[in-house]
C-alpha cells in the first residue's frame, strides 16, 4: 500500500549548489520568523536561498540575503524581499553554531526551505567548510564515475 504524502509538508526551496561548493559536516533544523505575506508567498512557491547564508550575531541566529517573492494580494502590508530573518534554535544549538563559525572557521549554509508535517516553515542549515577547486573537481569526477559505473552495470545485467 502506498503511503500518502502529508498535504502540509512541501519543499519550497532547495540549495543544490551548496553540496558542490561546501563539504557539509553536520546539519540541523531551525524555525524561521516570518510575516503573513511571506508565508502566503512561500505557499505559492516563490523563494530562493541559493545566495543566502546564516550568521550568529548578538546571541541570535539570522538568515541573511534569503529571497521571498512579494505576495501580490498584500500590496499595502507586504514585506521586504531580502530582509534579515531571525532563525529559531535552542541555546545549546546556538552555542554549538557560534563555536563552529568562530573557532573552527565553518560556514552556516541553508540547504532547504520547507513546510514540515505541521505546516510550519523550517530551514535546514548545514554546518560546512568551503571546498577548494581541487576538491570540487574530485567531487565532480566521482559523480561522473558513479554514473558511468551504473550505466555499465545496467548494460551488462
N, C-alpha and C. Protein backbone atom coordinates (compact mmCIF):
# COMPACT_ATOMS: atom_id res chain seq x y z
N UNK A 1 0.84 -1.18 0.00
CA UNK A 1 0.00 0.00 0.00
C UNK A 1 0.89 1.24 0.00
N UNK A 2 0.62 2.17 -0.87
CA UNK A 2 1.42 3.38 -0.96
C UNK A 2 1.03 4.35 0.15
N UNK A 3 2.03 4.97 0.75
CA UNK A 3 1.74 5.95 1.80
C UNK A 3 1.43 7.29 1.16
N UNK A 4 0.43 7.96 1.70
CA UNK A 4 0.06 9.27 1.18
C UNK A 4 0.98 10.32 1.77
N UNK A 5 1.40 11.28 0.94
CA UNK A 5 2.23 12.36 1.46
C UNK A 5 1.33 13.35 2.20
N UNK A 6 1.88 13.94 3.21
CA UNK A 6 1.14 14.91 4.01
C UNK A 6 0.92 16.17 3.18
N UNK A 7 -0.32 16.67 3.08
CA UNK A 7 -0.55 17.87 2.27
C UNK A 7 0.12 19.12 2.85
N UNK A 8 0.43 19.10 4.16
CA UNK A 8 1.08 20.26 4.76
C UNK A 8 2.57 20.30 4.46
N UNK A 9 3.24 19.15 4.34
CA UNK A 9 4.68 19.15 4.12
C UNK A 9 4.96 19.37 2.64
N UNK A 10 5.86 20.33 2.36
CA UNK A 10 6.13 20.71 0.97
C UNK A 10 7.51 21.36 0.91
N UNK A 11 8.32 20.95 -0.06
CA UNK A 11 9.62 21.57 -0.27
C UNK A 11 9.41 22.89 -1.00
N UNK A 12 9.94 23.98 -0.46
CA UNK A 12 9.76 25.30 -1.05
C UNK A 12 10.98 25.69 -1.87
N UNK A 13 12.18 25.54 -1.29
CA UNK A 13 13.42 25.91 -1.99
C UNK A 13 14.52 24.94 -1.59
N UNK A 14 15.37 24.62 -2.55
CA UNK A 14 16.47 23.69 -2.33
C UNK A 14 17.74 24.34 -2.84
N UNK A 15 18.79 24.31 -2.04
CA UNK A 15 20.08 24.89 -2.42
C UNK A 15 20.98 23.77 -2.93
N UNK A 16 20.85 23.43 -4.21
CA UNK A 16 21.60 22.31 -4.76
C UNK A 16 23.08 22.63 -4.90
N UNK A 17 23.40 23.88 -5.06
CA UNK A 17 24.78 24.30 -5.25
C UNK A 17 25.60 24.15 -3.97
N UNK A 18 24.94 24.15 -2.80
CA UNK A 18 25.64 24.11 -1.52
C UNK A 18 26.49 22.85 -1.37
N UNK A 19 25.97 21.71 -1.80
CA UNK A 19 26.73 20.46 -1.65
C UNK A 19 27.92 20.41 -2.60
N UNK A 20 27.89 21.19 -3.66
CA UNK A 20 29.03 21.25 -4.58
C UNK A 20 30.10 22.20 -4.04
N UNK A 21 29.70 23.34 -3.50
CA UNK A 21 30.64 24.36 -3.04
C UNK A 21 31.19 24.10 -1.63
N UNK A 22 30.46 23.33 -0.83
CA UNK A 22 30.83 23.14 0.58
C UNK A 22 30.84 21.66 0.93
N UNK A 23 31.71 21.30 1.87
CA UNK A 23 31.70 19.97 2.47
C UNK A 23 30.83 20.08 3.72
N UNK A 24 29.65 19.49 3.68
CA UNK A 24 28.69 19.59 4.79
C UNK A 24 29.11 18.63 5.89
N UNK A 25 29.43 19.18 7.06
CA UNK A 25 29.85 18.37 8.21
C UNK A 25 28.65 17.87 9.01
N UNK A 26 27.68 18.75 9.24
CA UNK A 26 26.53 18.43 10.07
C UNK A 26 25.38 19.32 9.62
N UNK A 27 24.15 18.95 10.00
CA UNK A 27 23.02 19.81 9.68
C UNK A 27 22.03 19.83 10.83
N UNK A 28 21.18 20.86 10.84
CA UNK A 28 20.16 20.97 11.86
C UNK A 28 18.96 21.71 11.29
N UNK A 29 17.82 21.53 11.94
CA UNK A 29 16.59 22.16 11.52
C UNK A 29 16.32 23.37 12.39
N UNK A 30 15.98 24.49 11.76
CA UNK A 30 15.70 25.71 12.50
C UNK A 30 14.35 26.26 12.05
N UNK A 31 13.63 26.85 12.99
CA UNK A 31 12.41 27.57 12.65
C UNK A 31 12.78 28.94 12.12
N UNK A 32 11.83 29.63 11.52
CA UNK A 32 12.11 30.94 10.95
C UNK A 32 10.95 31.88 11.26
N UNK A 33 11.26 33.12 11.62
CA UNK A 33 10.24 34.10 11.96
C UNK A 33 9.83 34.82 10.68
N UNK A 34 8.54 34.69 10.32
CA UNK A 34 8.03 35.26 9.07
C UNK A 34 6.78 36.08 9.33
N UNK A 35 6.46 36.94 8.39
CA UNK A 35 5.19 37.67 8.42
C UNK A 35 4.17 36.88 7.61
N UNK A 36 2.91 37.28 7.69
CA UNK A 36 1.84 36.56 6.99
C UNK A 36 2.00 36.54 5.49
N UNK A 37 2.39 37.68 4.91
CA UNK A 37 2.53 37.73 3.45
C UNK A 37 3.70 36.86 2.98
N UNK A 38 4.72 36.70 3.82
CA UNK A 38 5.85 35.84 3.47
C UNK A 38 5.42 34.37 3.43
N UNK A 39 4.61 33.96 4.40
CA UNK A 39 4.13 32.58 4.44
C UNK A 39 3.25 32.30 3.23
N UNK A 40 2.37 33.23 2.89
CA UNK A 40 1.49 33.05 1.72
C UNK A 40 2.32 32.95 0.45
N UNK A 41 3.36 33.76 0.34
CA UNK A 41 4.23 33.72 -0.83
C UNK A 41 4.97 32.39 -0.90
N UNK A 42 5.42 31.87 0.25
CA UNK A 42 6.10 30.58 0.27
C UNK A 42 5.16 29.45 -0.12
N UNK A 43 3.89 29.55 0.28
CA UNK A 43 2.92 28.51 -0.10
C UNK A 43 2.75 28.46 -1.61
N UNK A 44 2.87 29.64 -2.28
CA UNK A 44 2.77 29.65 -3.74
C UNK A 44 4.11 29.33 -4.39
N UNK A 45 5.18 29.20 -3.60
CA UNK A 45 6.45 28.70 -4.11
C UNK A 45 7.43 29.74 -4.59
N UNK A 46 7.37 30.95 -4.11
CA UNK A 46 8.30 31.98 -4.60
C UNK A 46 9.41 32.29 -3.63
N UNK A 47 10.52 31.54 -3.71
CA UNK A 47 11.66 31.84 -2.85
C UNK A 47 12.94 31.30 -3.45
N UNK A 48 14.07 31.83 -2.93
CA UNK A 48 15.39 31.39 -3.37
C UNK A 48 16.35 31.54 -2.19
N UNK A 49 17.07 30.47 -1.87
CA UNK A 49 18.04 30.52 -0.77
C UNK A 49 19.45 30.25 -1.25
N UNK A 50 19.65 30.27 -2.57
CA UNK A 50 20.96 29.92 -3.13
C UNK A 50 22.05 30.92 -2.74
N UNK A 51 21.73 32.19 -2.65
CA UNK A 51 22.73 33.22 -2.34
C UNK A 51 22.76 33.59 -0.87
N UNK A 52 22.04 32.88 -0.05
CA UNK A 52 21.91 33.29 1.35
C UNK A 52 22.85 32.49 2.25
N UNK A 53 23.00 32.98 3.48
CA UNK A 53 23.80 32.32 4.50
C UNK A 53 23.23 32.68 5.86
N UNK A 54 23.64 31.96 6.88
CA UNK A 54 23.19 32.25 8.24
C UNK A 54 24.38 32.71 9.07
N UNK A 55 24.10 33.54 10.07
CA UNK A 55 25.17 34.11 10.89
C UNK A 55 24.66 34.29 12.32
N UNK A 56 25.55 34.10 13.29
CA UNK A 56 25.22 34.33 14.69
C UNK A 56 25.68 35.74 15.03
N UNK A 57 24.72 36.60 15.39
CA UNK A 57 25.02 38.00 15.74
C UNK A 57 24.25 38.37 16.99
N UNK A 58 24.95 38.86 17.98
CA UNK A 58 24.30 39.34 19.21
C UNK A 58 23.51 38.26 19.94
N UNK A 59 23.99 37.04 19.92
CA UNK A 59 23.30 35.97 20.62
C UNK A 59 22.07 35.46 19.90
N UNK A 60 21.90 35.82 18.61
CA UNK A 60 20.76 35.35 17.83
C UNK A 60 21.25 34.85 16.48
N UNK A 61 20.48 33.97 15.88
CA UNK A 61 20.83 33.40 14.58
C UNK A 61 19.97 34.06 13.51
N UNK A 62 20.60 34.54 12.43
CA UNK A 62 19.91 35.28 11.38
C UNK A 62 20.15 34.66 10.02
N UNK A 63 19.11 34.64 9.19
CA UNK A 63 19.24 34.27 7.78
C UNK A 63 19.42 35.56 7.01
N UNK A 64 20.52 35.65 6.26
CA UNK A 64 20.86 36.88 5.56
C UNK A 64 20.78 36.63 4.06
N UNK A 65 20.14 37.55 3.36
CA UNK A 65 20.03 37.57 1.90
C UNK A 65 19.14 36.45 1.35
N UNK A 66 18.22 35.94 2.13
CA UNK A 66 17.25 34.96 1.63
C UNK A 66 16.13 35.69 0.91
N UNK A 67 15.74 35.21 -0.27
CA UNK A 67 14.73 35.90 -1.08
C UNK A 67 13.39 35.21 -0.96
N UNK A 68 12.37 35.99 -0.60
CA UNK A 68 10.99 35.52 -0.64
C UNK A 68 10.22 36.51 -1.50
N UNK A 69 9.62 36.02 -2.57
CA UNK A 69 8.94 36.88 -3.55
C UNK A 69 7.80 37.66 -2.89
N UNK A 70 7.52 38.87 -3.38
CA UNK A 70 6.40 39.63 -2.82
C UNK A 70 5.08 38.94 -3.13
N UNK A 71 4.13 39.05 -2.21
CA UNK A 71 2.82 38.45 -2.39
C UNK A 71 1.91 39.49 -3.03
N UNK A 72 1.36 39.17 -4.18
CA UNK A 72 0.61 40.14 -4.99
C UNK A 72 -0.60 40.73 -4.26
N UNK A 73 -1.32 39.94 -3.47
CA UNK A 73 -2.52 40.43 -2.80
C UNK A 73 -2.21 41.28 -1.57
N UNK A 74 -0.96 41.31 -1.12
CA UNK A 74 -0.60 42.09 0.08
C UNK A 74 0.20 43.32 -0.33
N UNK A 75 -0.39 44.16 -1.15
CA UNK A 75 0.33 45.33 -1.66
C UNK A 75 0.65 46.34 -0.55
N UNK A 76 -0.32 46.68 0.25
CA UNK A 76 -0.11 47.70 1.28
C UNK A 76 0.73 47.19 2.44
N UNK A 77 0.44 45.97 2.89
CA UNK A 77 1.15 45.41 4.04
C UNK A 77 2.05 44.27 3.62
N UNK A 78 2.76 44.45 2.56
CA UNK A 78 3.66 43.42 2.04
C UNK A 78 4.92 43.30 2.88
N UNK A 79 5.93 42.70 2.32
CA UNK A 79 7.18 42.51 3.04
C UNK A 79 8.35 42.86 2.13
N UNK A 80 9.48 43.10 2.76
CA UNK A 80 10.72 43.36 2.02
C UNK A 80 11.28 42.00 1.58
N UNK A 81 11.67 41.89 0.30
CA UNK A 81 12.06 40.59 -0.25
C UNK A 81 13.31 40.00 0.39
N UNK A 82 14.34 40.80 0.61
CA UNK A 82 15.62 40.28 1.10
C UNK A 82 15.95 40.75 2.52
N UNK A 83 14.96 40.88 3.35
CA UNK A 83 15.24 41.32 4.72
C UNK A 83 15.90 40.20 5.52
N UNK A 84 16.55 40.59 6.61
CA UNK A 84 17.16 39.60 7.51
C UNK A 84 16.05 38.95 8.31
N UNK A 85 16.06 37.63 8.37
CA UNK A 85 15.03 36.90 9.09
C UNK A 85 15.65 36.12 10.24
N UNK A 86 15.01 36.20 11.39
CA UNK A 86 15.52 35.53 12.58
C UNK A 86 15.22 34.03 12.50
N UNK A 87 16.22 33.23 12.86
CA UNK A 87 16.07 31.78 12.90
C UNK A 87 15.95 31.33 14.35
N UNK A 88 15.14 30.33 14.58
CA UNK A 88 14.84 29.87 15.93
C UNK A 88 15.52 28.53 16.21
N UNK A 89 16.46 28.55 17.16
CA UNK A 89 17.15 27.33 17.59
C UNK A 89 17.26 27.38 19.11
N UNK A 90 17.63 26.26 19.72
CA UNK A 90 17.79 26.22 21.17
C UNK A 90 19.12 26.89 21.55
N UNK A 91 19.27 27.21 22.82
CA UNK A 91 20.50 27.85 23.30
C UNK A 91 21.71 26.95 23.09
N UNK A 92 21.53 25.66 23.30
CA UNK A 92 22.63 24.71 23.12
C UNK A 92 23.05 24.65 21.65
N UNK A 93 22.08 24.62 20.74
CA UNK A 93 22.39 24.61 19.31
C UNK A 93 23.07 25.91 18.91
N UNK A 94 22.59 27.03 19.45
CA UNK A 94 23.18 28.33 19.13
C UNK A 94 24.63 28.40 19.59
N UNK A 95 24.91 27.88 20.78
CA UNK A 95 26.29 27.87 21.28
C UNK A 95 27.18 27.01 20.39
N UNK A 96 26.65 25.87 19.95
CA UNK A 96 27.42 24.99 19.07
C UNK A 96 27.68 25.66 17.72
N UNK A 97 26.68 26.35 17.18
CA UNK A 97 26.85 27.04 15.90
C UNK A 97 27.85 28.18 16.01
N UNK A 98 27.77 28.93 17.11
CA UNK A 98 28.71 30.04 17.31
C UNK A 98 30.13 29.50 17.40
N UNK A 99 30.30 28.42 18.15
CA UNK A 99 31.63 27.82 18.29
C UNK A 99 32.15 27.32 16.95
N UNK A 100 31.29 26.72 16.14
CA UNK A 100 31.72 26.21 14.83
C UNK A 100 32.13 27.34 13.90
N UNK A 101 31.39 28.44 13.91
CA UNK A 101 31.72 29.53 12.99
C UNK A 101 32.91 30.36 13.48
N UNK A 102 33.01 30.62 14.77
CA UNK A 102 34.07 31.49 15.28
C UNK A 102 35.40 30.76 15.46
N UNK A 103 35.37 29.58 16.04
CA UNK A 103 36.61 28.89 16.39
C UNK A 103 37.10 27.98 15.27
N UNK A 104 36.19 27.26 14.63
CA UNK A 104 36.60 26.26 13.65
C UNK A 104 36.57 26.76 12.22
N UNK A 105 36.12 27.99 11.99
CA UNK A 105 36.11 28.56 10.65
C UNK A 105 35.10 27.95 9.70
N UNK A 106 33.98 27.46 10.24
CA UNK A 106 32.93 26.87 9.41
C UNK A 106 31.96 27.95 8.94
N UNK A 107 31.07 27.57 8.02
CA UNK A 107 30.05 28.47 7.48
C UNK A 107 28.70 27.82 7.68
N UNK A 108 27.67 28.63 7.90
CA UNK A 108 26.31 28.13 8.03
C UNK A 108 25.58 28.35 6.71
N UNK A 109 25.29 27.26 6.02
CA UNK A 109 24.71 27.32 4.68
C UNK A 109 23.29 26.77 4.72
N UNK A 110 22.29 27.52 4.22
CA UNK A 110 20.94 26.97 4.12
C UNK A 110 20.88 25.90 3.04
N UNK A 111 20.34 24.73 3.38
CA UNK A 111 20.26 23.63 2.43
C UNK A 111 18.87 23.53 1.79
N UNK A 112 17.83 23.63 2.60
CA UNK A 112 16.48 23.57 2.05
C UNK A 112 15.50 24.32 2.95
N UNK A 113 14.48 24.87 2.32
CA UNK A 113 13.40 25.59 3.00
C UNK A 113 12.13 24.82 2.70
N UNK A 114 11.39 24.44 3.74
CA UNK A 114 10.22 23.58 3.52
C UNK A 114 9.18 23.77 4.61
N UNK A 115 7.99 23.28 4.33
CA UNK A 115 6.93 23.20 5.33
C UNK A 115 6.99 21.80 5.93
N UNK A 116 7.00 21.70 7.26
CA UNK A 116 7.03 20.38 7.89
C UNK A 116 5.61 19.81 7.94
N UNK A 117 5.44 18.65 8.57
CA UNK A 117 4.14 17.99 8.59
C UNK A 117 3.08 18.77 9.37
N UNK A 118 3.50 19.66 10.26
CA UNK A 118 2.56 20.51 10.99
C UNK A 118 2.20 21.78 10.22
N UNK A 119 2.83 21.98 9.07
CA UNK A 119 2.54 23.16 8.26
C UNK A 119 3.37 24.37 8.64
N UNK A 120 4.45 24.17 9.40
CA UNK A 120 5.32 25.27 9.80
C UNK A 120 6.54 25.34 8.89
N UNK A 121 7.01 26.55 8.63
CA UNK A 121 8.16 26.73 7.75
C UNK A 121 9.43 26.41 8.53
N UNK A 122 10.27 25.56 7.97
CA UNK A 122 11.54 25.17 8.59
C UNK A 122 12.66 25.38 7.58
N UNK A 123 13.85 25.63 8.11
CA UNK A 123 15.03 25.80 7.29
C UNK A 123 16.07 24.79 7.76
N UNK A 124 16.57 23.99 6.83
CA UNK A 124 17.62 23.02 7.17
C UNK A 124 18.95 23.70 6.90
N UNK A 125 19.74 23.88 7.97
CA UNK A 125 21.04 24.53 7.88
C UNK A 125 22.15 23.49 7.89
N UNK A 126 23.15 23.72 7.09
CA UNK A 126 24.31 22.85 7.08
C UNK A 126 25.51 23.57 7.67
N UNK A 127 26.24 22.89 8.55
CA UNK A 127 27.49 23.42 9.08
C UNK A 127 28.56 22.92 8.13
N UNK A 128 29.18 23.84 7.39
CA UNK A 128 30.01 23.44 6.25
C UNK A 128 31.37 24.11 6.26
N UNK A 129 32.28 23.47 5.54
CA UNK A 129 33.60 24.03 5.30
C UNK A 129 33.73 24.18 3.79
N UNK A 130 34.21 25.31 3.34
CA UNK A 130 34.32 25.58 1.90
C UNK A 130 35.29 24.64 1.21
N UNK A 131 34.95 24.22 0.00
CA UNK A 131 35.82 23.34 -0.78
C UNK A 131 36.76 24.17 -1.65
N UNK A 132 37.94 23.66 -1.85
CA UNK A 132 38.89 24.26 -2.79
C UNK A 132 38.53 23.74 -4.19
N UNK A 133 39.16 24.32 -5.21
CA UNK A 133 38.86 23.94 -6.59
C UNK A 133 39.18 22.47 -6.85
N UNK A 134 40.28 21.98 -6.29
CA UNK A 134 40.65 20.57 -6.49
C UNK A 134 39.62 19.63 -5.86
N UNK A 135 39.08 20.01 -4.70
CA UNK A 135 38.05 19.19 -4.06
C UNK A 135 36.78 19.14 -4.91
N UNK A 136 36.45 20.28 -5.53
CA UNK A 136 35.27 20.32 -6.40
C UNK A 136 35.48 19.42 -7.60
N UNK A 137 36.69 19.42 -8.15
CA UNK A 137 36.99 18.55 -9.29
C UNK A 137 36.88 17.08 -8.89
N UNK A 138 37.38 16.74 -7.70
CA UNK A 138 37.29 15.36 -7.21
C UNK A 138 35.83 14.93 -7.07
N UNK A 139 35.00 15.82 -6.52
CA UNK A 139 33.59 15.51 -6.35
C UNK A 139 32.93 15.29 -7.71
N UNK A 140 33.24 16.14 -8.66
CA UNK A 140 32.67 16.02 -9.99
C UNK A 140 33.12 14.73 -10.67
N UNK A 141 34.41 14.39 -10.55
CA UNK A 141 34.94 13.16 -11.15
C UNK A 141 34.30 11.93 -10.53
N UNK A 142 34.11 11.95 -9.20
CA UNK A 142 33.49 10.82 -8.52
C UNK A 142 32.04 10.65 -8.97
N UNK A 143 31.31 11.76 -9.11
CA UNK A 143 29.93 11.70 -9.57
C UNK A 143 29.85 11.14 -10.98
N UNK A 144 30.76 11.59 -11.86
CA UNK A 144 30.78 11.09 -13.24
C UNK A 144 31.10 9.59 -13.27
N UNK A 145 32.06 9.16 -12.45
CA UNK A 145 32.42 7.75 -12.41
C UNK A 145 31.26 6.90 -11.90
N UNK A 146 30.53 7.39 -10.88
CA UNK A 146 29.38 6.66 -10.37
C UNK A 146 28.30 6.50 -11.44
N UNK A 147 28.08 7.56 -12.22
CA UNK A 147 27.12 7.49 -13.33
C UNK A 147 27.55 6.46 -14.36
N UNK A 148 28.84 6.52 -14.72
CA UNK A 148 29.39 5.60 -15.71
C UNK A 148 29.29 4.15 -15.23
N UNK A 149 29.60 3.94 -13.95
CA UNK A 149 29.55 2.61 -13.36
C UNK A 149 28.10 2.07 -13.39
N UNK A 150 27.14 2.91 -13.03
CA UNK A 150 25.75 2.50 -13.05
C UNK A 150 25.30 2.16 -14.47
N UNK A 151 25.76 2.96 -15.44
CA UNK A 151 25.41 2.72 -16.83
C UNK A 151 25.97 1.38 -17.31
N UNK A 152 27.25 1.08 -16.93
CA UNK A 152 27.87 -0.17 -17.32
C UNK A 152 27.20 -1.38 -16.69
N UNK A 153 26.85 -1.25 -15.41
CA UNK A 153 26.16 -2.35 -14.72
C UNK A 153 24.78 -2.61 -15.33
N UNK A 154 24.10 -1.53 -15.73
CA UNK A 154 22.78 -1.66 -16.32
C UNK A 154 22.87 -2.37 -17.68
N UNK A 155 23.89 -2.04 -18.47
CA UNK A 155 24.06 -2.67 -19.78
C UNK A 155 24.48 -4.13 -19.65
N UNK A 156 25.34 -4.41 -18.70
CA UNK A 156 25.85 -5.77 -18.51
C UNK A 156 24.82 -6.73 -17.93
N UNK A 157 23.89 -6.22 -17.11
CA UNK A 157 22.98 -7.12 -16.39
C UNK A 157 21.63 -7.23 -16.92
